[in-house]
């Protein structure tokens, strides 16, 4: 009986640690997304209309893992128009925020 209680404590501790790790990972995703949003918004404010290819590739790598539809939407923007990249980033934010709430 005591060993079962100890096993239950270990299982609950492990589950809590896993939940915390998922939450930290989602927070990192949200922070990264916010950083890109700020960068692209700043570009538009500075009248820069094209997002540099390395940044689009970085965002694309992230989006491929998050949601393939968002990744495809980004890839369809071959001209790398900042306003369209911003739209995709806002869509990604809308996608991630509810998932972020589920992790907690």
Protein backbone atom coordinates (compact mmCIF):
# COMPACT_ATOMS: atom_id res chain seq x y z
CA UNK A 1 0.00 0.00 0.00
CA UNK A 2 2.79 2.40 0.86
CA UNK A 3 4.63 1.55 -2.35
CA UNK A 4 1.47 2.34 -4.33
CA UNK A 5 1.24 5.73 -2.64
CA UNK A 6 4.88 6.45 -3.40
CA UNK A 7 4.36 5.43 -7.04
CA UNK A 8 1.32 7.71 -7.24
CA UNK A 9 3.33 10.64 -5.85
CA UNK A 10 6.09 10.02 -8.40
CA UNK A 11 3.56 9.79 -11.23
CA UNK A 12 1.84 13.03 -10.19
CA UNK A 13 5.19 14.79 -9.87
CA UNK A 14 6.25 13.57 -13.32
CA UNK A 15 2.93 14.68 -14.86
CA UNK A 16 3.26 18.13 -13.26
CA UNK A 17 6.82 18.47 -14.55
CA UNK A 18 5.66 17.50 -18.07
CA UNK A 19 2.84 20.07 -17.93
CA UNK A 20 5.30 22.75 -16.86
CA UNK A 21 7.65 21.85 -19.71
CA UNK A 22 4.83 22.08 -22.25
CA UNK A 23 3.80 25.44 -20.83
CA UNK A 24 7.36 26.76 -21.03
CA UNK A 25 7.65 25.57 -24.64
CA UNK A 26 4.37 27.30 -25.57
CA UNK A 27 5.48 30.49 -23.84
CA UNK A 28 8.68 30.41 -25.87
CA UNK A 29 6.62 29.96 -29.05
CA UNK A 30 4.42 32.94 -28.13
CA UNK A 31 7.46 35.11 -27.33
CA UNK A 32 9.10 34.20 -30.64
CA UNK A 33 5.92 34.96 -32.53
CA UNK A 34 5.56 38.31 -30.73
CA UNK A 35 9.12 39.17 -31.66
CA UNK A 36 8.44 38.51 -35.34
CA UNK A 37 5.21 40.51 -35.17
CA UNK A 38 7.09 43.46 -33.73
CA UNK A 39 9.83 43.16 -36.34
CA UNK A 40 7.45 43.06 -39.31
CA UNK A 41 5.27 45.84 -37.86
CA UNK A 42 8.42 47.92 -37.47
CA UNK A 43 9.33 47.25 -41.07
CA UNK A 44 5.94 48.47 -42.24
CA UNK A 45 6.20 51.57 -40.07
CA UNK A 46 9.61 52.19 -41.62
CA UNK A 47 8.06 51.84 -45.07
CA UNK A 48 9.90 48.59 -45.77
CA UNK A 49 7.49 46.50 -47.81
CA UNK A 50 9.53 43.31 -48.30
CA UNK A 51 10.54 40.95 -45.50
CA UNK A 52 14.11 39.65 -45.86
CA UNK A 53 14.27 36.07 -47.10
CA UNK A 54 16.19 34.74 -44.05
CA UNK A 55 13.44 36.01 -41.76
CA UNK A 56 10.72 34.45 -43.93
CA UNK A 57 12.60 31.14 -43.87
CA UNK A 58 12.93 31.30 -40.07
CA UNK A 59 9.21 32.00 -39.71
CA UNK A 60 8.44 29.25 -42.23
CA UNK A 61 10.43 26.67 -40.30
CA UNK A 62 8.49 27.55 -37.17
CA UNK A 63 5.11 27.51 -38.92
CA UNK A 64 5.75 24.17 -40.61
CA UNK A 65 5.79 22.58 -37.14
CA UNK A 66 2.87 24.62 -35.81
CA UNK A 67 0.33 24.37 -38.63
CA UNK A 68 0.97 23.30 -42.23
CA UNK A 69 -1.84 25.55 -43.52
CA UNK A 70 -0.13 28.62 -42.05
CA UNK A 71 3.15 27.47 -43.55
CA UNK A 72 1.56 27.17 -46.99
CA UNK A 73 -0.02 30.62 -46.62
CA UNK A 74 3.42 32.06 -45.94
CA UNK A 75 4.94 30.25 -48.92
CA UNK A 76 2.25 31.55 -51.27
CA UNK A 77 3.61 35.04 -50.60
CA UNK A 78 6.54 34.72 -53.01
CA UNK A 79 7.13 38.49 -53.05
CA UNK A 80 7.56 38.38 -49.23
CA UNK A 81 5.16 41.32 -48.83
CA UNK A 82 5.39 42.50 -45.23
CA UNK A 83 1.63 43.04 -44.89
CA UNK A 84 0.89 39.48 -45.95
CA UNK A 85 3.61 38.07 -43.67
CA UNK A 86 2.05 40.07 -40.85
CA UNK A 87 -1.37 38.57 -41.64
CA UNK A 88 0.05 35.05 -41.42
CA UNK A 89 1.75 35.89 -38.11
CA UNK A 90 -1.51 37.19 -36.68
CA UNK A 91 -3.23 34.00 -37.85
CA UNK A 92 -0.51 31.98 -36.13
CA UNK A 93 -1.05 33.97 -32.95
CA UNK A 94 -4.79 33.26 -33.10
CA UNK A 95 -3.98 29.59 -33.61
CA UNK A 96 -1.48 29.33 -30.75
CA UNK A 97 -3.22 31.31 -28.03
CA UNK A 98 -6.08 28.84 -27.46
CA UNK A 99 -3.56 25.98 -27.50
CA UNK A 100 -1.49 27.90 -24.97
CA UNK A 101 -4.49 28.06 -22.63
CA UNK A 102 -5.06 24.31 -22.96
CA UNK A 103 -1.53 23.49 -21.78
CA UNK A 104 -1.99 25.18 -18.39
